[in-house]
Amino acid sequence: MTNSEIWMISLTAVIAVGGVIAACIFNNQLAVMQGQLTEMKTASRIAEESLVATQRPWLSVKLAIRPRGLFFDANGANLDLIFSLKNTGPTPAVTVRIVGSPRFDVGSNDRLTALDKVCTEAREKPQNPKMFAQTIFPGDPLDLHFTYSFANKELLDLVTEKSHGFILPVVIGCIDYFFTFGEPTHHQSRFVYDLDYPIPGGGSRAIKVSDGDKSADLLRLTRWFEGGSFQAD
């Protein structure tokens, strides 16, 4: 090989090595830049979530039995309830709806499944400006009265027969609302309450249907906290 050929081969080798080194440096710089971009996106998302969390409405819910309590008629079983809502956040809660109702066809082990089904179905519905709903301003309480016919006569008779004349209603659902009009994200405050008959002297039992109507002072509505049933999101 001539000297010029040797120099050419050496120069080519140096250029190749330099190219490899430059590629490594570029790849490292690219990885650093991608890492920085990911960190910036994460920081931006956290900042946005923090802003929403500090500025959005937060609804609390408490249930109580209205004077008429539990009563039976030709339509089956009915429960007279009052929902006390309050917005503890700094902005109005819009399109506020109560989703769910009293039921006695849900077993203790199935409550969270039933709750998740009810609230998931509500979450999948887009916001509708024609939907009947409430707006609750910051710090404002709102009491909503509802009388639920939660079991028709056929279902009432069927459940009563299977449970030897007793029922143990549970009130399952959530308060569904939005931060602003047109917002795609649902916010919810979930609830589960047990309805039973307190026994004089302590304790409680299921409600005996043959005893007939029971006014509010003869019943007890108790929050059921298991499994995060009162979570808000």
C-alpha atoms as a PDB file:
ATOM      1  CA  MET A   1       0.000   0.000   0.000  1.00  0.00           C
ATOM      2  CA  THR A   2       1.186   3.460  -0.780  1.00  0.00           C
ATOM      3  CA  ASN A   3       1.500   6.190   1.794  1.00  0.00           C
ATOM      4  CA  SER A   4      -1.463   8.025   0.297  1.00  0.00           C
ATOM      5  CA  GLU A   5      -3.628   4.916   0.601  1.00  0.00           C
ATOM      6  CA  ILE A   6      -2.573   4.444   4.209  1.00  0.00           C
ATOM      7  CA  TRP A   7      -3.385   8.079   4.977  1.00  0.00           C
ATOM      8  CA  MET A   8      -6.746   7.742   3.247  1.00  0.00           C
ATOM      9  CA  ILE A   9      -7.643   4.609   5.238  1.00  0.00           C
ATOM     10  CA  SER A  10      -6.520   6.268   8.474  1.00  0.00           C
ATOM     11  CA  LEU A  11      -8.504   9.396   7.699  1.00  0.00           C
ATOM     12  CA  THR A  12     -11.589   7.314   6.884  1.00  0.00           C
ATOM     13  CA  ALA A  13     -11.205   5.425  10.180  1.00  0.00           C
ATOM     14  CA  VAL A  14     -10.867   8.687  12.111  1.00  0.00           C
ATOM     15  CA  ILE A  15     -13.947  10.082  10.402  1.00  0.00           C
ATOM     16  CA  ALA A  16     -15.890   6.870  11.177  1.00  0.00           C
ATOM     17  CA  VAL A  17     -14.843   6.937  14.827  1.00  0.00           C
ATOM     18  CA  GLY A  18     -15.742  10.615  15.014  1.00  0.00           C
ATOM     19  CA  GLY A  19     -19.126   9.838  13.495  1.00  0.00           C
ATOM     20  CA  VAL A  20     -19.770   7.141  16.085  1.00  0.00           C
ATOM     21  CA  ILE A  21     -18.752   9.492  18.894  1.00  0.00           C
ATOM     22  CA  ALA A  22     -20.938  12.275  17.471  1.00  0.00           C
ATOM     23  CA  ALA A  23     -23.872   9.853  17.155  1.00  0.00           C
ATOM     24  CA  CYS A  24     -23.441   8.780  20.786  1.00  0.00           C
ATOM     25  CA  ILE A  25     -23.305  12.378  21.944  1.00  0.00           C
ATOM     26  CA  PHE A  26     -26.379  13.229  19.854  1.00  0.00           C
ATOM     27  CA  ASN A  27     -28.283  10.232  21.212  1.00  0.00           C
ATOM     28  CA  ASN A  28     -27.377  11.185  24.765  1.00  0.00           C
ATOM     29  CA  GLN A  29     -28.444  14.776  24.161  1.00  0.00           C
ATOM     30  CA  LEU A  30     -31.675  13.553  22.560  1.00  0.00           C
ATOM     31  CA  ALA A  31     -32.376  11.292  25.556  1.00  0.00           C
ATOM     32  CA  VAL A  32     -31.735  14.208  27.915  1.00  0.00           C
ATOM     33  CA  MET A  33     -34.013  16.475  25.886  1.00  0.00           C
ATOM     34  CA  GLN A  34     -36.751  13.838  25.795  1.00  0.00           C
ATOM     35  CA  GLY A  35     -36.390  13.366  29.549  1.00  0.00           C
ATOM     36  CA  GLN A  36     -36.643  17.112  30.095  1.00  0.00           C
ATOM     37  CA  LEU A  37     -39.698  17.265  27.817  1.00  0.00           C
ATOM     38  CA  THR A  38     -41.357  14.428  29.767  1.00  0.00           C
ATOM     39  CA  GLU A  39     -40.595  16.201  33.049  1.00  0.00           C
ATOM     40  CA  MET A  40     -42.033  19.453  31.664  1.00  0.00           C
ATOM     41  CA  LYS A  41     -45.199  17.663  30.538  1.00  0.00           C
ATOM     42  CA  THR A  42     -45.521  15.969  33.934  1.00  0.00           C
ATOM     43  CA  ALA A  43     -44.993  19.273  35.748  1.00  0.00           C
ATOM     44  CA  SER A  44     -47.544  20.954  33.483  1.00  0.00           C
ATOM     45  CA  ARG A  45     -50.090  18.192  34.112  1.00  0.00           C
ATOM     46  CA  ILE A  46     -49.518  18.343  37.878  1.00  0.00           C
ATOM     47  CA  ALA A  47     -49.861  22.136  37.811  1.00  0.00           C
ATOM     48  CA  GLU A  48     -53.084  21.857  35.810  1.00  0.00           C
ATOM     49  CA  GLU A  49     -54.495  19.207  38.151  1.00  0.00           C
ATOM     50  CA  SER A  50     -53.518  21.304  41.175  1.00  0.00           C
ATOM     51  CA  LEU A  51     -55.203  24.352  39.654  1.00  0.00           C
ATOM     52  CA  VAL A  52     -58.383  22.350  38.983  1.00  0.00           C
ATOM     53  CA  ALA A  53     -58.313  20.851  42.483  1.00  0.00           C
ATOM     54  CA  THR A  54     -58.000  24.266  44.107  1.00  0.00           C
ATOM     55  CA  GLN A  55     -60.502  26.031  41.851  1.00  0.00           C
ATOM     56  CA  ARG A  56     -63.157  23.392  41.207  1.00  0.00           C
ATOM     57  CA  PRO A  57     -66.358  22.904  43.239  1.00  0.00           C
ATOM     58  CA  TRP A  58     -66.534  20.128  45.843  1.00  0.00           C
ATOM     59  CA  LEU A  59     -69.957  18.820  46.817  1.00  0.00           C
ATOM     60  CA  SER A  60     -70.720  17.082  50.089  1.00  0.00           C
ATOM     61  CA  VAL A  61     -73.947  15.131  50.577  1.00  0.00           C
ATOM     62  CA  LYS A  62     -75.922  14.032  53.607  1.00  0.00           C
ATOM     63  CA  LEU A  63     -79.192  12.089  53.570  1.00  0.00           C
ATOM     64  CA  ALA A  64     -82.035  12.136  56.075  1.00  0.00           C
ATOM     65  CA  ILE A  65     -85.541  10.702  56.231  1.00  0.00           C
ATOM     66  CA  ARG A  66     -88.447  13.090  55.830  1.00  0.00           C
ATOM     67  CA  PRO A  67     -91.389  12.812  58.242  1.00  0.00           C
ATOM     68  CA  ARG A  68     -93.481  10.395  56.178  1.00  0.00           C
ATOM     69  CA  GLY A  69     -90.650   7.865  56.212  1.00  0.00           C
ATOM     70  CA  LEU A  70     -91.277   4.458  54.648  1.00  0.00           C
ATOM     71  CA  PHE A  71     -94.783   3.748  53.394  1.00  0.00           C
ATOM     72  CA  PHE A  72     -96.550   1.184  51.252  1.00  0.00           C
ATOM     73  CA  ASP A  73     -99.301   1.657  48.693  1.00  0.00           C
ATOM     74  CA  ALA A  74    -100.680   0.048  45.548  1.00  0.00           C
ATOM     75  CA  ASN A  75     -97.421   0.889  43.775  1.00  0.00           C
ATOM     76  CA  GLY A  76     -95.240  -0.923  46.301  1.00  0.00           C
ATOM     77  CA  ALA A  77     -92.646   0.537  48.690  1.00  0.00           C
ATOM     78  CA  ASN A  78     -91.863   4.248  48.936  1.00  0.00           C
ATOM     79  CA  LEU A  79     -89.281   6.242  50.868  1.00  0.00           C
ATOM     80  CA  ASP A  80     -89.418   9.959  51.667  1.00  0.00           C
ATOM     81  CA  LEU A  81     -85.895  11.440  51.646  1.00  0.00           C
ATOM     82  CA  ILE A  82     -84.102  14.758  51.852  1.00  0.00           C
ATOM     83  CA  PHE A  83     -80.670  15.277  50.279  1.00  0.00           C
ATOM     84  CA  SER A  84     -78.637  18.050  51.903  1.00  0.00           C
ATOM     85  CA  LEU A  85     -75.925  19.253  49.511  1.00  0.00           C
ATOM     86  CA  LYS A  86     -73.226  21.831  50.080  1.00  0.00           C
ATOM     87  CA  ASN A  87     -70.535  23.256  47.822  1.00  0.00           C
ATOM     88  CA  THR A  88     -67.308  23.595  49.802  1.00  0.00           C
ATOM     89  CA  GLY A  89     -65.269  24.639  46.760  1.00  0.00           C
ATOM     90  CA  PRO A  90     -64.552  28.176  45.453  1.00  0.00           C
ATOM     91  CA  THR A  91     -66.569  27.951  42.214  1.00  0.00           C
ATOM     92  CA  PRO A  92     -70.151  27.012  41.297  1.00  0.00           C
ATOM     93  CA  ALA A  93     -71.080  23.378  40.692  1.00  0.00           C
ATOM     94  CA  VAL A  94     -73.214  23.173  37.558  1.00  0.00           C
ATOM     95  CA  THR A  95     -75.577  20.548  36.174  1.00  0.00           C
ATOM     96  CA  VAL A  96     -75.885  18.967  39.613  1.00  0.00           C
ATOM     97  CA  ARG A  97     -77.923  15.755  39.539  1.00  0.00           C
ATOM     98  CA  ILE A  98     -78.759  13.063  42.059  1.00  0.00           C
ATOM     99  CA  VAL A  99     -78.225   9.659  40.488  1.00  0.00           C
ATOM    100  CA  GLY A 100     -79.442   6.497  42.201  1.00  0.00           C
ATOM    101  CA  SER A 101     -82.287   5.466  44.500  1.00  0.00           C
ATOM    102  CA  PRO A 102     -83.265   3.222  47.427  1.00  0.00           C
ATOM    103  CA  ARG A 103     -83.124  -0.508  46.677  1.00  0.00           C
ATOM    104  CA  PHE A 104     -83.531  -3.738  48.579  1.00  0.00           C
ATOM    105  CA  ASP A 105     -82.398  -6.122  45.858  1.00  0.00           C
ATOM    106  CA  VAL A 106     -78.691  -5.466  46.548  1.00  0.00           C
ATOM    107  CA  GLY A 107     -76.811  -7.755  48.934  1.00  0.00           C
ATOM    108  CA  SER A 108     -74.107  -6.525  51.302  1.00  0.00           C
ATOM    109  CA  ASN A 109     -71.358  -8.016  49.143  1.00  0.00           C
ATOM    110  CA  ASP A 110     -72.752  -6.425  45.987  1.00  0.00           C
ATOM    111  CA  ARG A 111     -73.067  -2.835  47.146  1.00  0.00           C
ATOM    112  CA  LEU A 112     -69.858  -1.480  45.678  1.00  0.00           C
ATOM    113  CA  THR A 113     -70.522  -3.239  42.376  1.00  0.00           C
ATOM    114  CA  ALA A 114     -74.003  -1.719  42.210  1.00  0.00           C
ATOM    115  CA  LEU A 115     -72.649   1.687  43.234  1.00  0.00           C
ATOM    116  CA  ASP A 116     -69.938   1.599  40.579  1.00  0.00           C
ATOM    117  CA  LYS A 117     -72.479   0.597  37.910  1.00  0.00           C
ATOM    118  CA  VAL A 118     -74.833   3.477  38.771  1.00  0.00           C
ATOM    119  CA  CYS A 119     -72.091   6.101  38.892  1.00  0.00           C
ATOM    120  CA  THR A 120     -70.262   4.832  35.800  1.00  0.00           C
ATOM    121  CA  GLU A 121     -73.458   5.039  33.747  1.00  0.00           C
ATOM    122  CA  ALA A 122     -73.910   8.633  34.939  1.00  0.00           C
ATOM    123  CA  ARG A 123     -70.292   9.464  34.069  1.00  0.00           C
ATOM    124  CA  GLU A 124     -70.720   8.213  30.515  1.00  0.00           C
ATOM    125  CA  LYS A 125     -73.557  10.628  29.763  1.00  0.00           C
ATOM    126  CA  PRO A 126     -72.426  13.893  28.130  1.00  0.00           C
ATOM    127  CA  GLN A 127     -73.476  17.191  29.670  1.00  0.00           C
ATOM    128  CA  ASN A 128     -76.823  18.313  28.281  1.00  0.00           C
ATOM    129  CA  PRO A 129     -77.903  21.968  28.685  1.00  0.00           C
ATOM    130  CA  LYS A 130     -81.563  20.860  28.479  1.00  0.00           C
ATOM    131  CA  MET A 131     -81.120  18.396  31.336  1.00  0.00           C
ATOM    132  CA  PHE A 132     -83.030  19.277  34.508  1.00  0.00           C
ATOM    133  CA  ALA A 133     -80.345  19.990  37.083  1.00  0.00           C
ATOM    134  CA  GLN A 134     -79.254  22.403  39.773  1.00  0.00           C
ATOM    135  CA  THR A 135     -76.466  24.958  40.149  1.00  0.00           C
ATOM    136  CA  ILE A 136     -74.936  25.257  43.623  1.00  0.00           C
ATOM    137  CA  PHE A 137     -72.785  28.275  44.441  1.00  0.00           C
ATOM    138  CA  PRO A 138     -69.799  28.243  46.822  1.00  0.00           C
ATOM    139  CA  GLY A 139     -70.818  27.944  50.456  1.00  0.00           C
ATOM    140  CA  ASP A 140     -74.488  27.542  49.603  1.00  0.00           C
ATOM    141  CA  PRO A 141     -76.474  24.638  51.053  1.00  0.00           C
ATOM    142  CA  LEU A 142     -79.264  23.087  49.014  1.00  0.00           C
ATOM    143  CA  ASP A 143     -81.933  20.708  50.310  1.00  0.00           C
ATOM    144  CA  LEU A 144     -83.690  18.530  47.750  1.00  0.00           C
ATOM    145  CA  HIS A 145     -86.776  16.526  48.694  1.00  0.00           C
ATOM    146  CA  PHE A 146     -87.611  13.278  46.926  1.00  0.00           C
ATOM    147  CA  THR A 147     -90.194  10.568  47.460  1.00  0.00           C
ATOM    148  CA  TYR A 148     -88.935   7.401  45.796  1.00  0.00           C
ATOM    149  CA  SER A 149     -91.145   4.531  44.703  1.00  0.00           C
ATOM    150  CA  PHE A 150     -88.254   2.121  44.830  1.00  0.00           C
ATOM    151  CA  ALA A 151     -90.064  -1.203  44.504  1.00  0.00           C
ATOM    152  CA  ASN A 152     -93.220  -2.132  42.644  1.00  0.00           C
ATOM    153  CA  LYS A 153     -95.748  -4.492  44.194  1.00  0.00           C
ATOM    154  CA  GLU A 154     -94.477  -7.562  42.342  1.00  0.00           C
ATOM    155  CA  LEU A 155     -90.843  -7.024  43.371  1.00  0.00           C
ATOM    156  CA  LEU A 156     -91.865  -6.179  46.926  1.00  0.00           C
ATOM    157  CA  ASP A 157     -93.881  -9.388  47.249  1.00  0.00           C
ATOM    158  CA  LEU A 158     -91.087 -11.470  45.712  1.00  0.00           C
ATOM    159  CA  VAL A 159     -88.338 -10.108  47.978  1.00  0.00           C
ATOM    160  CA  THR A 160     -90.559 -10.226  51.048  1.00  0.00           C
ATOM    161  CA  GLU A 161     -91.382 -13.877  50.430  1.00  0.00           C
ATOM    162  CA  LYS A 162     -87.729 -14.815  50.005  1.00  0.00           C
ATOM    163  CA  SER A 163     -86.638 -12.926  53.128  1.00  0.00           C
ATOM    164  CA  HIS A 164     -89.432 -14.235  55.377  1.00  0.00           C
ATOM    165  CA  GLY A 165     -91.332 -10.957  55.479  1.00  0.00           C
ATOM    166  CA  PHE A 166     -88.398  -8.581  56.029  1.00  0.00           C
ATOM    167  CA  ILE A 167     -86.587  -6.038  53.847  1.00  0.00           C
ATOM    168  CA  LEU A 168     -83.342  -4.174  54.416  1.00  0.00           C
ATOM    169  CA  PRO A 169     -83.269  -1.189  52.027  1.00  0.00           C
ATOM    170  CA  VAL A 170     -80.043   0.488  50.994  1.00  0.00           C
ATOM    171  CA  VAL A 171     -79.798   3.909  49.325  1.00  0.00           C
ATOM    172  CA  ILE A 172     -77.107   3.851  46.635  1.00  0.00           C
ATOM    173  CA  GLY A 173     -75.963   6.565  44.250  1.00  0.00           C
ATOM    174  CA  CYS A 174     -73.892   9.664  43.661  1.00  0.00           C
ATOM    175  CA  ILE A 175     -74.127  13.405  43.156  1.00  0.00           C
ATOM    176  CA  ASP A 176     -72.965  14.050  39.598  1.00  0.00           C
ATOM    177  CA  TYR A 177     -71.843  17.561  38.589  1.00  0.00           C
ATOM    178  CA  PHE A 178     -69.474  19.656  36.488  1.00  0.00           C
ATOM    179  CA  PHE A 179     -66.909  22.420  37.021  1.00  0.00           C
ATOM    180  CA  THR A 180     -68.080  24.597  34.114  1.00  0.00           C
ATOM    181  CA  PHE A 181     -70.738  24.459  31.420  1.00  0.00           C
ATOM    182  CA  GLY A 182     -69.502  22.363  28.519  1.00  0.00           C
ATOM    183  CA  GLU A 183     -66.848  20.585  30.589  1.00  0.00           C
ATOM    184  CA  PRO A 184     -66.389  16.939  29.499  1.00  0.00           C
ATOM    185  CA  THR A 185     -65.271  15.666  32.912  1.00  0.00           C
ATOM    186  CA  HIS A 186     -67.864  14.494  35.434  1.00  0.00           C
ATOM    187  CA  HIS A 187     -67.236  15.013  39.142  1.00  0.00           C
ATOM    188  CA  GLN A 188     -69.035  12.813  41.644  1.00  0.00           C
ATOM    189  CA  SER A 189     -69.650  12.401  45.349  1.00  0.00           C
ATOM    190  CA  ARG A 190     -70.798   8.855  46.093  1.00  0.00           C
ATOM    191  CA  PHE A 191     -72.986   7.615  48.921  1.00  0.00           C
ATOM    192  CA  VAL A 192     -74.368   4.412  50.417  1.00  0.00           C
ATOM    193  CA  TYR A 193     -76.842   4.427  53.312  1.00  0.00           C
ATOM    194  CA  ASP A 194     -78.472   1.573  55.233  1.00  0.00           C
ATOM    195  CA  LEU A 195     -82.105   1.894  56.287  1.00  0.00           C
ATOM    196  CA  ASP A 196     -83.160  -0.213  59.264  1.00  0.00           C
ATOM    197  CA  TYR A 197     -85.413  -0.349  62.303  1.00  0.00           C
ATOM    198  CA  PRO A 198     -83.677   0.479  65.616  1.00  0.00           C
ATOM    199  CA  ILE A 199     -84.760  -1.752  68.468  1.00  0.00           C
ATOM    200  CA  PRO A 200     -85.580  -0.050  71.772  1.00  0.00           C
ATOM    201  CA  GLY A 201     -82.728  -0.700  74.170  1.00  0.00           C
ATOM    202  CA  GLY A 202     -80.097  -1.040  71.454  1.00  0.00           C
ATOM    203  CA  GLY A 203     -79.442  -2.827  68.202  1.00  0.00           C
ATOM    204  CA  SER A 204     -81.476  -2.911  65.031  1.00  0.00           C
ATOM    205  CA  ARG A 205     -83.162  -5.294  62.654  1.00  0.00           C
ATOM    206  CA  ALA A 206     -84.525  -5.445  59.138  1.00  0.00           C
ATOM    207  CA  ILE A 207     -87.899  -3.855  58.468  1.00  0.00           C
ATOM    208  CA  LYS A 208     -90.938  -6.125  58.717  1.00  0.00           C
ATOM    209  CA  VAL A 209     -93.259  -5.310  55.838  1.00  0.00           C
ATOM    210  CA  SER A 210     -96.381  -6.589  57.609  1.00  0.00           C
ATOM    211  CA  ASP A 211     -95.872  -3.932  60.296  1.00  0.00           C
ATOM    212  CA  GLY A 212     -96.953  -1.375  57.689  1.00  0.00           C
ATOM    213  CA  ASP A 213     -95.825   2.221  57.284  1.00  0.00           C
ATOM    214  CA  LYS A 214     -93.054   3.607  59.450  1.00  0.00           C
ATOM    215  CA  SER A 215     -92.587   7.317  60.045  1.00  0.00           C
ATOM    216  CA  ALA A 216     -89.124   8.866  60.143  1.00  0.00           C
ATOM    217  CA  ASP A 217     -88.834   8.674  63.938  1.00  0.00           C
ATOM    218  CA  LEU A 218     -89.144   4.867  63.786  1.00  0.00           C
ATOM    219  CA  LEU A 219     -86.354   4.413  61.238  1.00  0.00           C
ATOM    220  CA  ARG A 220     -82.606   4.879  61.080  1.00  0.00           C
ATOM    221  CA  LEU A 221     -80.509   5.893  58.081  1.00  0.00           C
ATOM    222  CA  THR A 222     -76.814   5.075  58.552  1.00  0.00           C
ATOM    223  CA  ARG A 223     -73.849   5.836  56.337  1.00  0.00           C
ATOM    224  CA  TRP A 224     -71.964   2.836  54.991  1.00  0.00           C
ATOM    225  CA  PHE A 225     -68.319   3.814  54.590  1.00  0.00           C
ATOM    226  CA  GLU A 226     -66.742   0.552  53.478  1.00  0.00           C
ATOM    227  CA  GLY A 227     -64.693   0.456  50.297  1.00  0.00           C
ATOM    228  CA  GLY A 228     -64.559   4.234  49.885  1.00  0.00           C
ATOM    229  CA  SER A 229     -68.263   4.448  49.196  1.00  0.00           C
ATOM    230  CA  PHE A 230     -68.193   8.153  50.133  1.00  0.00           C
ATOM    231  CA  GLN A 231     -65.279   9.044  47.865  1.00  0.00           C
ATOM    232  CA  ALA A 232     -65.379  12.272  45.889  1.00  0.00           C
ATOM    233  CA  ASP A 233     -63.648  12.750  42.557  1.00  0.00           C
END
